N, C-alpha and C. Protein backbone atom coordinates (compact mmCIF):
# COMPACT_ATOMS: atom_id res chain seq x y z
N MET A 1 -5.41 79.43 -99.30
CA MET A 1 -4.85 79.18 -97.96
C MET A 1 -3.33 78.98 -98.02
N LYS A 2 -2.91 78.19 -99.03
CA LYS A 2 -1.50 77.93 -99.20
C LYS A 2 -0.73 79.22 -99.49
N GLN A 3 -1.31 80.08 -100.33
CA GLN A 3 -0.69 81.36 -100.68
C GLN A 3 -0.54 82.26 -99.44
N LYS A 4 -1.55 82.20 -98.60
CA LYS A 4 -1.54 83.01 -97.39
C LYS A 4 -0.42 82.56 -96.45
N ILE A 5 -0.26 81.25 -96.31
CA ILE A 5 0.79 80.70 -95.45
C ILE A 5 2.17 81.08 -95.98
N ILE A 6 2.33 80.98 -97.30
CA ILE A 6 3.61 81.35 -97.93
C ILE A 6 3.92 82.82 -97.67
N LYS A 7 2.90 83.66 -97.78
CA LYS A 7 3.06 85.09 -97.55
C LYS A 7 3.47 85.37 -96.11
N ILE A 8 2.85 84.65 -95.18
CA ILE A 8 3.18 84.83 -93.76
C ILE A 8 4.61 84.40 -93.49
N LEU A 9 5.01 83.26 -94.06
CA LEU A 9 6.36 82.75 -93.87
C LEU A 9 7.41 83.70 -94.44
N LYS A 10 7.08 84.29 -95.60
CA LYS A 10 7.99 85.27 -96.21
C LYS A 10 8.13 86.50 -95.31
N GLY A 11 7.00 86.90 -94.73
CA GLY A 11 7.03 88.05 -93.82
C GLY A 11 7.88 87.77 -92.59
N ILE A 12 7.73 86.56 -92.03
CA ILE A 12 8.53 86.17 -90.88
C ILE A 12 10.01 86.14 -91.23
N SER A 13 10.32 85.59 -92.41
CA SER A 13 11.70 85.50 -92.88
C SER A 13 12.32 86.89 -93.04
N LEU A 14 11.57 87.80 -93.63
CA LEU A 14 12.07 89.16 -93.80
C LEU A 14 12.27 89.85 -92.46
N GLY A 15 11.35 89.59 -91.53
CA GLY A 15 11.47 90.18 -90.19
C GLY A 15 12.71 89.68 -89.46
N LEU A 16 12.97 88.37 -89.57
CA LEU A 16 14.14 87.79 -88.93
C LEU A 16 15.43 88.32 -89.54
N ARG A 17 15.41 88.49 -90.86
CA ARG A 17 16.59 89.05 -91.53
C ARG A 17 16.85 90.48 -91.07
N ALA A 18 15.79 91.24 -90.94
CA ALA A 18 15.93 92.63 -90.49
C ALA A 18 16.49 92.70 -89.08
N ILE A 19 16.00 91.81 -88.21
CA ILE A 19 16.50 91.76 -86.83
C ILE A 19 17.97 91.37 -86.80
N PHE A 20 18.32 90.37 -87.62
CA PHE A 20 19.71 89.92 -87.67
C PHE A 20 20.63 91.05 -88.15
N LEU A 21 20.22 91.75 -89.20
CA LEU A 21 21.03 92.85 -89.73
C LEU A 21 21.16 93.99 -88.73
N LEU A 22 20.08 94.25 -87.99
CA LEU A 22 20.13 95.30 -86.96
C LEU A 22 21.13 94.92 -85.87
N CYS A 23 21.04 93.67 -85.40
CA CYS A 23 21.96 93.20 -84.35
C CYS A 23 23.40 93.24 -84.83
N LEU A 24 23.62 92.79 -86.06
CA LEU A 24 24.97 92.79 -86.61
C LEU A 24 25.52 94.20 -86.73
N SER A 25 24.69 95.11 -87.24
CA SER A 25 25.11 96.49 -87.42
C SER A 25 25.47 97.15 -86.10
N LEU A 26 24.63 96.94 -85.07
CA LEU A 26 24.88 97.55 -83.77
C LEU A 26 26.14 96.96 -83.11
N ASN A 27 26.35 95.67 -83.28
CA ASN A 27 27.55 95.05 -82.73
C ASN A 27 28.81 95.62 -83.39
N LEU A 28 28.78 95.73 -84.71
CA LEU A 28 29.93 96.27 -85.44
C LEU A 28 30.18 97.73 -85.05
N TYR A 29 29.10 98.47 -84.86
CA TYR A 29 29.24 99.88 -84.48
C TYR A 29 29.85 100.01 -83.09
N ILE A 30 29.35 99.26 -82.13
CA ILE A 30 29.85 99.33 -80.76
C ILE A 30 31.32 98.90 -80.69
N MET A 31 31.66 97.82 -81.37
CA MET A 31 33.03 97.33 -81.35
C MET A 31 33.98 98.30 -82.06
N GLY A 32 33.53 98.81 -83.21
CA GLY A 32 34.38 99.72 -83.97
C GLY A 32 34.61 101.04 -83.28
N SER A 33 33.62 101.51 -82.53
CA SER A 33 33.72 102.82 -81.89
C SER A 33 34.51 102.80 -80.58
N THR A 34 34.85 101.61 -80.09
CA THR A 34 35.54 101.52 -78.80
C THR A 34 36.90 100.82 -78.86
N LYS A 35 37.21 100.16 -79.98
CA LYS A 35 38.42 99.33 -80.02
C LYS A 35 39.70 100.12 -79.77
N SER A 36 39.71 101.40 -80.12
CA SER A 36 40.93 102.20 -79.92
C SER A 36 41.20 102.47 -78.44
N ARG A 37 40.21 102.28 -77.60
CA ARG A 37 40.37 102.53 -76.16
C ARG A 37 40.76 101.27 -75.39
N ILE A 38 40.92 100.17 -76.10
CA ILE A 38 41.44 98.95 -75.48
C ILE A 38 42.94 98.94 -75.72
N GLN A 39 43.71 99.10 -74.65
CA GLN A 39 45.15 99.32 -74.78
C GLN A 39 45.94 98.38 -73.88
N GLU A 40 47.09 97.96 -74.34
CA GLU A 40 47.95 97.09 -73.53
C GLU A 40 48.71 97.88 -72.48
N ASN A 41 49.12 99.07 -72.85
CA ASN A 41 49.92 99.90 -71.93
C ASN A 41 49.22 101.24 -71.72
N VAL A 42 48.11 101.20 -71.07
CA VAL A 42 47.33 102.42 -70.85
C VAL A 42 48.04 103.32 -69.84
N SER A 43 47.97 104.62 -70.08
CA SER A 43 48.57 105.58 -69.17
C SER A 43 47.79 105.62 -67.85
N LEU A 44 48.53 105.67 -66.76
CA LEU A 44 47.90 105.71 -65.44
C LEU A 44 47.80 107.12 -64.88
N GLU A 45 48.16 108.11 -65.69
CA GLU A 45 48.11 109.49 -65.23
C GLU A 45 46.67 109.98 -65.12
N ASN A 46 46.39 110.64 -64.02
CA ASN A 46 45.08 111.27 -63.79
C ASN A 46 43.92 110.28 -63.84
N ILE A 47 44.20 109.02 -63.57
CA ILE A 47 43.13 108.01 -63.52
C ILE A 47 42.50 108.05 -62.12
N ASP A 48 41.18 108.13 -62.09
CA ASP A 48 40.47 108.18 -60.80
C ASP A 48 40.38 106.81 -60.14
N ALA A 49 40.22 105.77 -60.94
CA ALA A 49 40.06 104.44 -60.36
C ALA A 49 40.22 103.35 -61.41
N ILE A 50 40.54 102.17 -60.91
CA ILE A 50 40.50 100.95 -61.72
C ILE A 50 39.18 100.27 -61.39
N LEU A 51 38.37 99.99 -62.37
CA LEU A 51 37.07 99.35 -62.15
C LEU A 51 37.14 97.90 -62.60
N VAL A 52 36.93 96.97 -61.66
CA VAL A 52 36.91 95.55 -61.97
C VAL A 52 35.46 95.07 -61.95
N LEU A 53 35.01 94.53 -63.06
CA LEU A 53 33.63 94.06 -63.18
C LEU A 53 33.54 92.60 -62.74
N GLY A 54 32.53 92.28 -61.96
CA GLY A 54 32.37 90.94 -61.43
C GLY A 54 32.11 89.90 -62.51
N ALA A 55 32.46 88.64 -62.19
CA ALA A 55 32.26 87.55 -63.16
C ALA A 55 31.99 86.22 -62.47
N GLY A 56 31.38 86.30 -61.30
CA GLY A 56 30.99 85.08 -60.62
C GLY A 56 32.04 84.56 -59.65
N ILE A 57 31.58 83.90 -58.61
CA ILE A 57 32.47 83.30 -57.61
C ILE A 57 32.06 81.85 -57.38
N ARG A 58 33.00 81.10 -56.83
CA ARG A 58 32.76 79.70 -56.49
C ARG A 58 33.08 79.54 -55.01
N GLY A 59 32.07 79.69 -54.19
CA GLY A 59 32.29 79.69 -52.76
C GLY A 59 33.02 80.94 -52.34
N LYS A 60 34.23 80.79 -51.84
CA LYS A 60 35.03 81.93 -51.41
C LYS A 60 36.13 82.27 -52.41
N ASN A 61 36.03 81.68 -53.60
CA ASN A 61 37.06 81.91 -54.61
C ASN A 61 36.44 82.52 -55.87
N PRO A 62 37.21 83.37 -56.57
CA PRO A 62 36.70 83.94 -57.82
C PRO A 62 36.68 82.88 -58.92
N SER A 63 35.79 83.03 -59.87
CA SER A 63 35.79 82.17 -61.05
C SER A 63 37.08 82.41 -61.83
N PRO A 64 37.46 81.52 -62.73
CA PRO A 64 38.69 81.74 -63.51
C PRO A 64 38.70 83.08 -64.25
N MET A 65 37.58 83.48 -64.82
CA MET A 65 37.52 84.75 -65.53
C MET A 65 37.72 85.92 -64.57
N LEU A 66 37.07 85.84 -63.44
CA LEU A 66 37.19 86.91 -62.45
C LEU A 66 38.60 86.95 -61.86
N GLU A 67 39.19 85.79 -61.65
CA GLU A 67 40.56 85.75 -61.12
C GLU A 67 41.52 86.48 -62.06
N ASP A 68 41.35 86.28 -63.36
CA ASP A 68 42.23 86.96 -64.31
C ASP A 68 42.00 88.47 -64.29
N ARG A 69 40.77 88.90 -64.16
CA ARG A 69 40.49 90.34 -64.05
C ARG A 69 41.18 90.92 -62.83
N LEU A 70 41.11 90.20 -61.74
CA LEU A 70 41.71 90.68 -60.49
C LEU A 70 43.24 90.72 -60.59
N LYS A 71 43.83 89.72 -61.23
CA LYS A 71 45.28 89.71 -61.41
C LYS A 71 45.75 90.92 -62.19
N TYR A 72 45.04 91.24 -63.26
CA TYR A 72 45.42 92.38 -64.09
C TYR A 72 45.24 93.69 -63.32
N ALA A 73 44.17 93.77 -62.55
CA ALA A 73 43.93 94.99 -61.76
C ALA A 73 45.02 95.19 -60.72
N VAL A 74 45.42 94.11 -60.06
CA VAL A 74 46.50 94.19 -59.06
C VAL A 74 47.81 94.62 -59.73
N ALA A 75 48.07 94.09 -60.93
CA ALA A 75 49.30 94.46 -61.65
C ALA A 75 49.29 95.95 -61.99
N LEU A 76 48.13 96.48 -62.35
CA LEU A 76 48.03 97.92 -62.62
C LEU A 76 48.27 98.72 -61.35
N TYR A 77 47.69 98.27 -60.26
CA TYR A 77 47.86 98.96 -58.98
C TYR A 77 49.33 99.00 -58.58
N GLU A 78 50.05 97.92 -58.83
CA GLU A 78 51.46 97.87 -58.46
C GLU A 78 52.30 98.88 -59.24
N LYS A 79 51.81 99.31 -60.41
CA LYS A 79 52.52 100.32 -61.19
C LYS A 79 52.28 101.73 -60.64
N ASN A 80 51.15 101.90 -59.99
CA ASN A 80 50.83 103.21 -59.41
C ASN A 80 49.89 103.00 -58.23
N ASN A 81 50.47 102.92 -57.03
CA ASN A 81 49.65 102.60 -55.86
C ASN A 81 48.90 103.79 -55.29
N ASN A 82 48.86 104.87 -56.06
CA ASN A 82 47.99 105.99 -55.67
C ASN A 82 46.58 105.82 -56.21
N ILE A 83 46.42 104.88 -57.14
CA ILE A 83 45.12 104.64 -57.75
C ILE A 83 44.27 103.76 -56.84
N LYS A 84 43.00 104.05 -56.76
CA LYS A 84 42.07 103.22 -56.00
C LYS A 84 41.42 102.18 -56.94
N ILE A 85 40.99 101.08 -56.36
CA ILE A 85 40.32 100.03 -57.12
C ILE A 85 38.86 99.94 -56.67
N ILE A 86 37.95 99.89 -57.62
CA ILE A 86 36.53 99.65 -57.31
C ILE A 86 36.19 98.24 -57.74
N MET A 87 35.80 97.41 -56.80
CA MET A 87 35.33 96.06 -57.09
C MET A 87 33.80 96.13 -57.20
N SER A 88 33.29 95.90 -58.39
CA SER A 88 31.85 96.04 -58.60
C SER A 88 31.23 94.70 -58.98
N GLY A 89 30.28 94.26 -58.15
CA GLY A 89 29.67 92.96 -58.42
C GLY A 89 28.36 92.78 -57.67
N ASP A 90 27.96 91.55 -57.59
CA ASP A 90 26.64 91.20 -57.05
C ASP A 90 26.74 90.82 -55.58
N HIS A 91 26.02 91.57 -54.74
CA HIS A 91 25.89 91.22 -53.32
C HIS A 91 24.45 91.49 -52.89
N ARG A 92 23.52 90.93 -53.67
CA ARG A 92 22.12 91.17 -53.32
C ARG A 92 21.61 90.17 -52.29
N ARG A 93 22.41 89.10 -52.05
CA ARG A 93 22.03 88.11 -51.04
C ARG A 93 23.14 87.97 -50.03
N ASP A 94 22.78 87.65 -48.80
CA ASP A 94 23.77 87.48 -47.74
C ASP A 94 24.71 86.31 -48.03
N ASP A 95 24.21 85.30 -48.73
CA ASP A 95 25.03 84.10 -48.99
C ASP A 95 25.79 84.18 -50.31
N TYR A 96 25.78 85.36 -50.95
CA TYR A 96 26.53 85.51 -52.20
C TYR A 96 27.14 86.90 -52.23
N ASN A 97 28.39 86.99 -51.79
CA ASN A 97 29.06 88.28 -51.67
C ASN A 97 30.25 88.32 -52.63
N GLU A 98 29.93 88.64 -53.88
CA GLU A 98 30.95 88.65 -54.93
C GLU A 98 32.06 89.66 -54.64
N VAL A 99 31.67 90.85 -54.20
CA VAL A 99 32.66 91.91 -54.02
C VAL A 99 33.61 91.65 -52.85
N GLN A 100 33.14 90.97 -51.83
CA GLN A 100 34.02 90.64 -50.71
C GLN A 100 35.09 89.65 -51.14
N VAL A 101 34.69 88.68 -51.95
CA VAL A 101 35.66 87.72 -52.49
C VAL A 101 36.69 88.45 -53.35
N MET A 102 36.23 89.40 -54.14
CA MET A 102 37.13 90.19 -54.99
C MET A 102 38.11 90.99 -54.15
N LYS A 103 37.60 91.62 -53.12
CA LYS A 103 38.47 92.43 -52.25
C LYS A 103 39.47 91.56 -51.51
N ASN A 104 39.00 90.43 -50.99
CA ASN A 104 39.89 89.52 -50.26
C ASN A 104 41.04 89.05 -51.14
N TYR A 105 40.72 88.77 -52.40
CA TYR A 105 41.76 88.30 -53.33
C TYR A 105 42.83 89.38 -53.50
N ALA A 106 42.41 90.61 -53.73
CA ALA A 106 43.36 91.70 -53.93
C ALA A 106 44.20 91.96 -52.68
N ILE A 107 43.57 91.87 -51.51
CA ILE A 107 44.31 92.05 -50.25
C ILE A 107 45.38 90.97 -50.10
N ASN A 108 45.02 89.74 -50.46
CA ASN A 108 45.98 88.63 -50.37
C ASN A 108 47.15 88.81 -51.34
N GLN A 109 46.94 89.63 -52.37
CA GLN A 109 48.00 89.93 -53.33
C GLN A 109 48.80 91.17 -52.94
N GLY A 110 48.49 91.74 -51.78
CA GLY A 110 49.28 92.85 -51.27
C GLY A 110 48.68 94.23 -51.42
N VAL A 111 47.45 94.32 -51.93
CA VAL A 111 46.80 95.64 -52.06
C VAL A 111 46.18 96.01 -50.72
N PRO A 112 46.46 97.20 -50.19
CA PRO A 112 45.88 97.61 -48.90
C PRO A 112 44.35 97.67 -48.97
N SER A 113 43.72 97.26 -47.90
CA SER A 113 42.26 97.30 -47.83
C SER A 113 41.72 98.70 -48.08
N SER A 114 42.44 99.70 -47.61
CA SER A 114 41.98 101.08 -47.73
C SER A 114 41.95 101.57 -49.17
N SER A 115 42.66 100.88 -50.06
CA SER A 115 42.70 101.28 -51.47
C SER A 115 41.63 100.58 -52.30
N ILE A 116 40.84 99.74 -51.65
CA ILE A 116 39.84 98.94 -52.38
C ILE A 116 38.43 99.33 -51.94
N PHE A 117 37.65 99.82 -52.87
CA PHE A 117 36.25 100.16 -52.62
C PHE A 117 35.36 99.05 -53.18
N MET A 118 34.27 98.77 -52.49
CA MET A 118 33.35 97.74 -52.94
C MET A 118 32.02 98.37 -53.36
N ASP A 119 31.60 98.05 -54.58
CA ASP A 119 30.28 98.44 -55.06
C ASP A 119 29.40 97.20 -54.97
N HIS A 120 28.58 97.15 -53.94
CA HIS A 120 27.78 95.96 -53.65
C HIS A 120 26.59 95.79 -54.59
N ALA A 121 26.29 96.79 -55.41
CA ALA A 121 25.10 96.73 -56.27
C ALA A 121 25.45 96.84 -57.75
N GLY A 122 26.60 96.27 -58.11
CA GLY A 122 26.97 96.24 -59.52
C GLY A 122 26.38 95.01 -60.19
N PHE A 123 25.08 95.03 -60.39
CA PHE A 123 24.37 93.85 -60.88
C PHE A 123 24.51 93.62 -62.38
N SER A 124 25.02 94.60 -63.09
CA SER A 124 25.24 94.48 -64.53
C SER A 124 26.34 95.45 -64.92
N SER A 125 26.85 95.31 -66.12
CA SER A 125 27.88 96.24 -66.59
C SER A 125 27.36 97.67 -66.58
N TYR A 126 26.14 97.85 -67.05
CA TYR A 126 25.53 99.18 -67.09
C TYR A 126 25.44 99.77 -65.68
N GLU A 127 24.96 98.98 -64.73
CA GLU A 127 24.80 99.49 -63.37
C GLU A 127 26.15 99.76 -62.71
N SER A 128 27.14 98.94 -62.98
CA SER A 128 28.47 99.15 -62.42
C SER A 128 29.05 100.49 -62.88
N LEU A 129 28.91 100.77 -64.17
CA LEU A 129 29.47 102.01 -64.71
C LEU A 129 28.66 103.23 -64.28
N TYR A 130 27.35 103.09 -64.23
CA TYR A 130 26.48 104.17 -63.79
C TYR A 130 26.83 104.54 -62.35
N ARG A 131 26.98 103.53 -61.49
CA ARG A 131 27.27 103.77 -60.08
C ARG A 131 28.70 104.27 -59.89
N ALA A 132 29.63 103.84 -60.73
CA ALA A 132 30.99 104.35 -60.64
C ALA A 132 31.00 105.86 -60.80
N LYS A 133 30.18 106.35 -61.71
CA LYS A 133 30.12 107.79 -61.94
C LYS A 133 29.31 108.51 -60.86
N GLU A 134 28.12 108.01 -60.58
CA GLU A 134 27.20 108.73 -59.70
C GLU A 134 27.46 108.53 -58.21
N ILE A 135 27.93 107.36 -57.83
CA ILE A 135 28.18 107.08 -56.40
C ILE A 135 29.63 107.41 -56.03
N PHE A 136 30.57 106.93 -56.84
CA PHE A 136 31.98 107.11 -56.51
C PHE A 136 32.57 108.37 -57.15
N GLY A 137 31.84 108.99 -58.02
CA GLY A 137 32.25 110.28 -58.57
C GLY A 137 33.45 110.25 -59.49
N VAL A 138 33.72 109.10 -60.11
CA VAL A 138 34.88 109.01 -61.00
C VAL A 138 34.56 109.61 -62.37
N LYS A 139 35.59 110.11 -63.02
CA LYS A 139 35.44 110.69 -64.35
C LYS A 139 36.33 110.01 -65.38
N LYS A 140 37.47 109.52 -64.90
CA LYS A 140 38.42 108.86 -65.80
C LYS A 140 38.83 107.54 -65.18
N ILE A 141 38.55 106.44 -65.88
CA ILE A 141 38.75 105.12 -65.29
C ILE A 141 39.41 104.15 -66.27
N ILE A 142 39.94 103.09 -65.68
CA ILE A 142 40.40 101.94 -66.45
C ILE A 142 39.47 100.79 -66.10
N VAL A 143 38.87 100.19 -67.12
CA VAL A 143 37.97 99.06 -66.91
C VAL A 143 38.74 97.78 -67.20
N VAL A 144 38.68 96.83 -66.29
CA VAL A 144 39.39 95.55 -66.45
C VAL A 144 38.37 94.43 -66.59
N THR A 145 38.40 93.79 -67.76
CA THR A 145 37.55 92.64 -68.02
C THR A 145 38.08 91.96 -69.28
N GLN A 146 37.48 90.85 -69.70
CA GLN A 146 37.93 90.18 -70.91
C GLN A 146 37.59 91.02 -72.14
N LYS A 147 38.35 90.84 -73.22
CA LYS A 147 38.24 91.72 -74.38
C LYS A 147 36.84 91.71 -74.99
N TYR A 148 36.23 90.53 -75.11
CA TYR A 148 34.91 90.46 -75.73
C TYR A 148 33.88 91.30 -74.97
N HIS A 149 34.12 91.51 -73.69
CA HIS A 149 33.22 92.25 -72.82
C HIS A 149 33.56 93.74 -72.78
N LEU A 150 34.81 94.05 -73.08
CA LEU A 150 35.27 95.44 -72.98
C LEU A 150 34.56 96.38 -73.95
N TYR A 151 34.26 95.89 -75.15
CA TYR A 151 33.62 96.76 -76.14
C TYR A 151 32.33 97.36 -75.58
N ARG A 152 31.52 96.53 -74.99
CA ARG A 152 30.24 97.01 -74.44
C ARG A 152 30.46 97.90 -73.22
N ALA A 153 31.38 97.49 -72.35
CA ALA A 153 31.64 98.28 -71.15
C ALA A 153 32.13 99.68 -71.51
N LEU A 154 33.03 99.76 -72.47
CA LEU A 154 33.56 101.06 -72.87
C LEU A 154 32.52 101.90 -73.60
N TYR A 155 31.64 101.24 -74.34
CA TYR A 155 30.56 101.97 -75.01
C TYR A 155 29.61 102.59 -73.98
N ILE A 156 29.24 101.79 -72.98
CA ILE A 156 28.37 102.29 -71.92
C ILE A 156 29.03 103.47 -71.21
N ALA A 157 30.32 103.30 -70.88
CA ALA A 157 31.05 104.36 -70.19
C ALA A 157 31.01 105.66 -71.00
N LYS A 158 31.25 105.56 -72.28
CA LYS A 158 31.25 106.74 -73.15
C LYS A 158 29.89 107.42 -73.13
N LYS A 159 28.84 106.65 -73.24
CA LYS A 159 27.49 107.21 -73.28
C LYS A 159 27.06 107.81 -71.94
N LEU A 160 27.68 107.35 -70.86
CA LEU A 160 27.38 107.90 -69.54
C LEU A 160 28.26 109.10 -69.20
N GLY A 161 29.17 109.44 -70.11
CA GLY A 161 30.01 110.62 -69.90
C GLY A 161 31.31 110.34 -69.18
N LEU A 162 31.75 109.10 -69.16
CA LEU A 162 33.02 108.74 -68.53
C LEU A 162 34.13 108.64 -69.58
N GLU A 163 35.32 109.03 -69.19
CA GLU A 163 36.50 108.78 -70.03
C GLU A 163 37.08 107.46 -69.57
N ALA A 164 36.93 106.45 -70.39
CA ALA A 164 37.31 105.11 -69.95
C ALA A 164 38.24 104.44 -70.95
N TYR A 165 39.17 103.67 -70.40
CA TYR A 165 40.10 102.88 -71.21
C TYR A 165 40.02 101.44 -70.72
N GLY A 166 40.32 100.50 -71.59
CA GLY A 166 40.16 99.10 -71.22
C GLY A 166 41.44 98.31 -71.24
N ILE A 167 41.58 97.42 -70.27
CA ILE A 167 42.65 96.44 -70.24
C ILE A 167 42.01 95.06 -70.38
N ALA A 168 42.41 94.35 -71.43
CA ALA A 168 41.83 93.03 -71.70
C ALA A 168 42.53 91.98 -70.86
N SER A 169 41.78 91.31 -70.02
CA SER A 169 42.35 90.33 -69.08
C SER A 169 42.00 88.91 -69.50
N ASN A 170 42.45 88.51 -70.67
CA ASN A 170 42.16 87.14 -71.09
C ASN A 170 43.44 86.43 -71.55
N PRO A 171 44.28 86.03 -70.58
CA PRO A 171 45.53 85.34 -70.92
C PRO A 171 45.34 83.87 -71.26
N ARG A 172 44.11 83.37 -71.15
CA ARG A 172 43.85 81.95 -71.41
C ARG A 172 42.45 81.79 -71.99
N SER A 173 42.15 80.56 -72.40
CA SER A 173 40.81 80.26 -72.93
C SER A 173 39.90 79.86 -71.77
N TYR A 174 38.59 80.06 -71.97
CA TYR A 174 37.62 79.73 -70.92
C TYR A 174 36.55 78.80 -71.49
N ALA A 175 36.15 77.85 -70.69
CA ALA A 175 35.10 76.93 -71.11
C ALA A 175 33.80 77.69 -71.34
N GLY A 176 33.07 77.31 -72.38
CA GLY A 176 31.78 77.93 -72.65
C GLY A 176 31.87 79.30 -73.28
N GLN A 177 33.01 79.64 -73.88
CA GLN A 177 33.19 80.98 -74.41
C GLN A 177 32.27 81.27 -75.60
N THR A 178 31.98 80.26 -76.41
CA THR A 178 31.10 80.48 -77.56
C THR A 178 29.73 80.96 -77.11
N LYS A 179 29.19 80.36 -76.06
CA LYS A 179 27.89 80.79 -75.53
C LYS A 179 27.97 82.21 -74.99
N ARG A 180 29.08 82.52 -74.35
CA ARG A 180 29.25 83.89 -73.83
C ARG A 180 29.29 84.91 -74.96
N GLU A 181 29.96 84.57 -76.03
CA GLU A 181 30.05 85.48 -77.18
C GLU A 181 28.67 85.75 -77.76
N ILE A 182 27.85 84.72 -77.84
CA ILE A 182 26.49 84.88 -78.37
C ILE A 182 25.67 85.76 -77.45
N ARG A 183 25.73 85.48 -76.14
CA ARG A 183 25.00 86.30 -75.17
C ARG A 183 25.48 87.74 -75.21
N GLU A 184 26.79 87.92 -75.36
CA GLU A 184 27.34 89.27 -75.38
C GLU A 184 26.86 90.06 -76.59
N SER A 185 26.73 89.39 -77.73
CA SER A 185 26.25 90.09 -78.93
C SER A 185 24.84 90.61 -78.72
N LEU A 186 24.03 89.86 -77.99
CA LEU A 186 22.67 90.30 -77.67
C LEU A 186 22.69 91.40 -76.60
N ALA A 187 23.61 91.27 -75.64
CA ALA A 187 23.71 92.27 -74.58
C ALA A 187 24.15 93.62 -75.13
N ARG A 188 24.98 93.61 -76.17
CA ARG A 188 25.39 94.88 -76.79
C ARG A 188 24.18 95.61 -77.36
N VAL A 189 23.30 94.85 -78.00
CA VAL A 189 22.09 95.45 -78.57
C VAL A 189 21.21 96.01 -77.45
N LYS A 190 21.03 95.22 -76.40
CA LYS A 190 20.21 95.65 -75.26
C LYS A 190 20.74 96.94 -74.67
N ASP A 191 22.06 97.00 -74.42
CA ASP A 191 22.63 98.17 -73.77
C ASP A 191 22.75 99.37 -74.71
N PHE A 192 22.77 99.13 -76.02
CA PHE A 192 22.72 100.24 -76.96
C PHE A 192 21.45 101.05 -76.73
N PHE A 193 20.33 100.36 -76.62
CA PHE A 193 19.06 101.05 -76.41
C PHE A 193 18.94 101.57 -74.97
N LYS A 194 19.51 100.84 -74.02
CA LYS A 194 19.48 101.30 -72.64
C LYS A 194 20.23 102.62 -72.49
N CYS A 195 21.32 102.76 -73.22
CA CYS A 195 22.12 103.99 -73.14
C CYS A 195 21.43 105.18 -73.78
N ILE A 196 20.38 104.94 -74.52
CA ILE A 196 19.59 106.04 -75.08
C ILE A 196 18.71 106.64 -73.99
N GLY A 197 18.04 105.76 -73.23
CA GLY A 197 17.16 106.23 -72.17
C GLY A 197 17.87 106.53 -70.86
N LYS A 198 19.01 105.86 -70.64
CA LYS A 198 19.81 106.02 -69.42
C LYS A 198 18.98 105.89 -68.14
N PRO A 199 18.32 104.74 -67.94
CA PRO A 199 17.56 104.55 -66.70
C PRO A 199 18.49 104.44 -65.49
N GLU A 200 17.98 104.80 -64.33
CA GLU A 200 18.77 104.66 -63.10
C GLU A 200 18.96 103.18 -62.78
N PRO A 201 20.05 102.84 -62.11
CA PRO A 201 20.26 101.44 -61.73
C PRO A 201 19.30 101.01 -60.63
N THR A 202 19.37 99.75 -60.27
CA THR A 202 18.48 99.20 -59.24
C THR A 202 18.59 99.99 -57.94
N TYR A 203 19.81 100.31 -57.55
CA TYR A 203 20.05 101.08 -56.33
C TYR A 203 21.01 102.24 -56.63
N LEU A 204 20.74 103.37 -56.02
CA LEU A 204 21.71 104.45 -55.98
C LEU A 204 22.12 104.62 -54.53
N GLY A 205 22.17 105.82 -54.03
CA GLY A 205 22.56 106.01 -52.64
C GLY A 205 23.40 107.25 -52.49
N ASP A 206 23.96 107.42 -51.31
CA ASP A 206 24.78 108.60 -51.03
C ASP A 206 26.13 108.48 -51.71
N PRO A 207 26.71 109.60 -52.11
CA PRO A 207 28.05 109.59 -52.72
C PRO A 207 29.09 109.02 -51.77
N ILE A 208 30.07 108.33 -52.34
CA ILE A 208 31.19 107.79 -51.57
C ILE A 208 32.46 108.38 -52.15
N PRO A 209 33.11 109.29 -51.42
CA PRO A 209 34.30 109.96 -51.96
C PRO A 209 35.49 109.02 -52.09
N MET A 210 36.15 109.07 -53.24
CA MET A 210 37.33 108.22 -53.45
C MET A 210 38.52 108.71 -52.65
N SER A 211 38.41 109.91 -52.09
CA SER A 211 39.48 110.42 -51.25
C SER A 211 39.49 109.77 -49.87
N ALA A 212 38.39 109.08 -49.54
CA ALA A 212 38.29 108.41 -48.23
C ALA A 212 38.95 107.03 -48.30
N SER A 213 38.88 106.30 -47.21
CA SER A 213 39.38 104.93 -47.18
C SER A 213 38.34 104.00 -47.79
N GLY A 214 38.80 103.03 -48.55
CA GLY A 214 37.90 102.05 -49.12
C GLY A 214 37.17 101.23 -48.07
N ASP A 215 37.67 101.25 -46.84
CA ASP A 215 37.04 100.48 -45.78
C ASP A 215 35.65 101.00 -45.41
N ILE A 216 35.31 102.22 -45.85
CA ILE A 216 33.96 102.71 -45.55
C ILE A 216 32.91 101.95 -46.34
N THR A 217 33.36 101.18 -47.35
CA THR A 217 32.40 100.37 -48.13
C THR A 217 32.33 98.93 -47.63
N ASN A 218 33.09 98.61 -46.59
CA ASN A 218 33.03 97.26 -46.05
C ASN A 218 31.64 96.96 -45.51
N ASP A 219 31.20 95.75 -45.71
CA ASP A 219 29.86 95.37 -45.29
C ASP A 219 29.89 94.85 -43.85
């Protein structure tokens, strides 16, 4: 009986080691294959849109992480105001409208409402990028989010056929970052396999031309 238990424990240990090595390998692969596309001074030529990924709101205000993403996106827009901005986030409930808060913030910083499109069904990084391509028809984008998150976002973009570059929007430290890093390492593994099957997002819908006014996406 004792020998059997030892054998089972050894099997569990080997299984856990294999899982750990798989997760580590996939994380290193995703980060290594995308790091060159994270740039401080990315070219704005022929860019279809700036994509800002949601990061939570507090009432009518963006969270600190989201505020920094929005600041960087506005700064990019100020360099070339011909570029449109896609605010992609969670608006699955009437009492939680992440994208409206994002748009309001950018408008208050001087970005015209017509230059801001809202993706109300960006429930995850994968869905935001999938919808950016299929709904908004973009092919070349700049993704704005914190650096630890950019690796996965850019990997997803590549696998979906988008030419994407990243701007890291982390000028300060954030509370709870260690937990986020751990969750992100698991999310990279999850999305690695998701990008193999490429399932459709929760919602699709009719195409929204970027040549139109962003106000057509107002809720």
